[in-house]
């Protein structure tokens, strides 16, 4: 299996999800987050992994 670098958009989405998940851990209240931050962190990793594993995403 050949891995490829994720596109800039996929990388940016992953970083935004990561920052959005880490904000409550830093003490910034984000009232729109209705799920646990761990699931947002997992989603960030899944998006980045999909960008690496599948070419063209």
C-alpha atoms as a PDB file:
ATOM      1  CA  UNK A   1       0.000   0.000   0.000  1.00  0.00           C
ATOM      2  CA  UNK A   2       1.424   3.337  -1.051  1.00  0.00           C
ATOM      3  CA  UNK A   3       0.733   6.286   1.180  1.00  0.00           C
ATOM      4  CA  UNK A   4       0.335   9.804  -0.142  1.00  0.00           C
ATOM      5  CA  UNK A   5       0.396  13.205   1.438  1.00  0.00           C
ATOM      6  CA  UNK A   6      -3.072  14.540   2.262  1.00  0.00           C
ATOM      7  CA  UNK A   7      -4.339  17.495   0.302  1.00  0.00           C
ATOM      8  CA  UNK A   8      -4.126  20.900   1.920  1.00  0.00           C
ATOM      9  CA  UNK A   9      -7.913  21.017   2.421  1.00  0.00           C
ATOM     10  CA  UNK A  10      -7.972  17.664   4.246  1.00  0.00           C
ATOM     11  CA  UNK A  11      -5.053  18.733   6.416  1.00  0.00           C
ATOM     12  CA  UNK A  12      -6.769  22.039   7.206  1.00  0.00           C
ATOM     13  CA  UNK A  13     -10.047  20.296   8.149  1.00  0.00           C
ATOM     14  CA  UNK A  14      -8.128  17.970  10.445  1.00  0.00           C
ATOM     15  CA  UNK A  15      -6.321  20.866  12.138  1.00  0.00           C
ATOM     16  CA  UNK A  16      -9.569  22.812  12.618  1.00  0.00           C
ATOM     17  CA  UNK A  17     -11.228  19.769  14.202  1.00  0.00           C
ATOM     18  CA  UNK A  18      -8.220  19.288  16.465  1.00  0.00           C
ATOM     19  CA  UNK A  19      -8.243  22.921  17.605  1.00  0.00           C
ATOM     20  CA  UNK A  20     -12.007  22.776  18.129  1.00  0.00           C
ATOM     21  CA  UNK A  21     -11.550  19.687  20.338  1.00  0.00           C
ATOM     22  CA  UNK A  22      -8.656  21.111  22.361  1.00  0.00           C
ATOM     23  CA  UNK A  23     -10.342  24.437  23.189  1.00  0.00           C
ATOM     24  CA  UNK A  24     -12.436  23.028  26.077  1.00  0.00           C
ATOM     25  CA  UNK A  25      -9.323  21.368  27.485  1.00  0.00           C
ATOM     26  CA  UNK A  26      -7.618  24.777  27.502  1.00  0.00           C
ATOM     27  CA  UNK A  27     -10.470  26.324  29.460  1.00  0.00           C
ATOM     28  CA  UNK A  28     -12.319  27.987  26.576  1.00  0.00           C
ATOM     29  CA  UNK A  29     -16.041  27.275  26.785  1.00  0.00           C
ATOM     30  CA  UNK A  30     -17.524  26.126  23.483  1.00  0.00           C
ATOM     31  CA  UNK A  31     -21.282  25.822  24.064  1.00  0.00           C
ATOM     32  CA  UNK A  32     -22.022  24.339  20.632  1.00  0.00           C
ATOM     33  CA  UNK A  33     -20.011  21.177  21.403  1.00  0.00           C
ATOM     34  CA  UNK A  34     -22.605  18.608  22.418  1.00  0.00           C
ATOM     35  CA  UNK A  35     -20.356  15.570  22.240  1.00  0.00           C
ATOM     36  CA  UNK A  36     -17.255  14.612  24.162  1.00  0.00           C
ATOM     37  CA  UNK A  37     -14.050  16.149  22.879  1.00  0.00           C
ATOM     38  CA  UNK A  38     -12.473  12.721  22.505  1.00  0.00           C
ATOM     39  CA  UNK A  39     -14.823  11.980  19.612  1.00  0.00           C
ATOM     40  CA  UNK A  40     -13.842  15.205  17.886  1.00  0.00           C
ATOM     41  CA  UNK A  41     -10.190  14.235  18.321  1.00  0.00           C
ATOM     42  CA  UNK A  42     -10.925  10.796  16.860  1.00  0.00           C
ATOM     43  CA  UNK A  43     -12.734  12.409  13.922  1.00  0.00           C
ATOM     44  CA  UNK A  44      -9.727  14.658  13.326  1.00  0.00           C
ATOM     45  CA  UNK A  45      -7.415  11.657  13.207  1.00  0.00           C
ATOM     46  CA  UNK A  46      -9.780   9.695  10.938  1.00  0.00           C
ATOM     47  CA  UNK A  47      -9.998  12.591   8.477  1.00  0.00           C
ATOM     48  CA  UNK A  48      -6.205  12.884   8.372  1.00  0.00           C
ATOM     49  CA  UNK A  49      -5.736   9.116   8.046  1.00  0.00           C
ATOM     50  CA  UNK A  50      -8.255   8.974   5.193  1.00  0.00           C
ATOM     51  CA  UNK A  51      -6.364  11.744   3.436  1.00  0.00           C
ATOM     52  CA  UNK A  52      -3.127   9.763   3.735  1.00  0.00           C
ATOM     53  CA  UNK A  53      -4.538   6.348   2.800  1.00  0.00           C
ATOM     54  CA  UNK A  54      -6.774   7.307  -0.115  1.00  0.00           C
ATOM     55  CA  UNK A  55      -5.305   9.256  -3.005  1.00  0.00           C
ATOM     56  CA  UNK A  56      -7.501  12.022  -4.343  1.00  0.00           C
ATOM     57  CA  UNK A  57      -9.253  12.892  -1.102  1.00  0.00           C
END
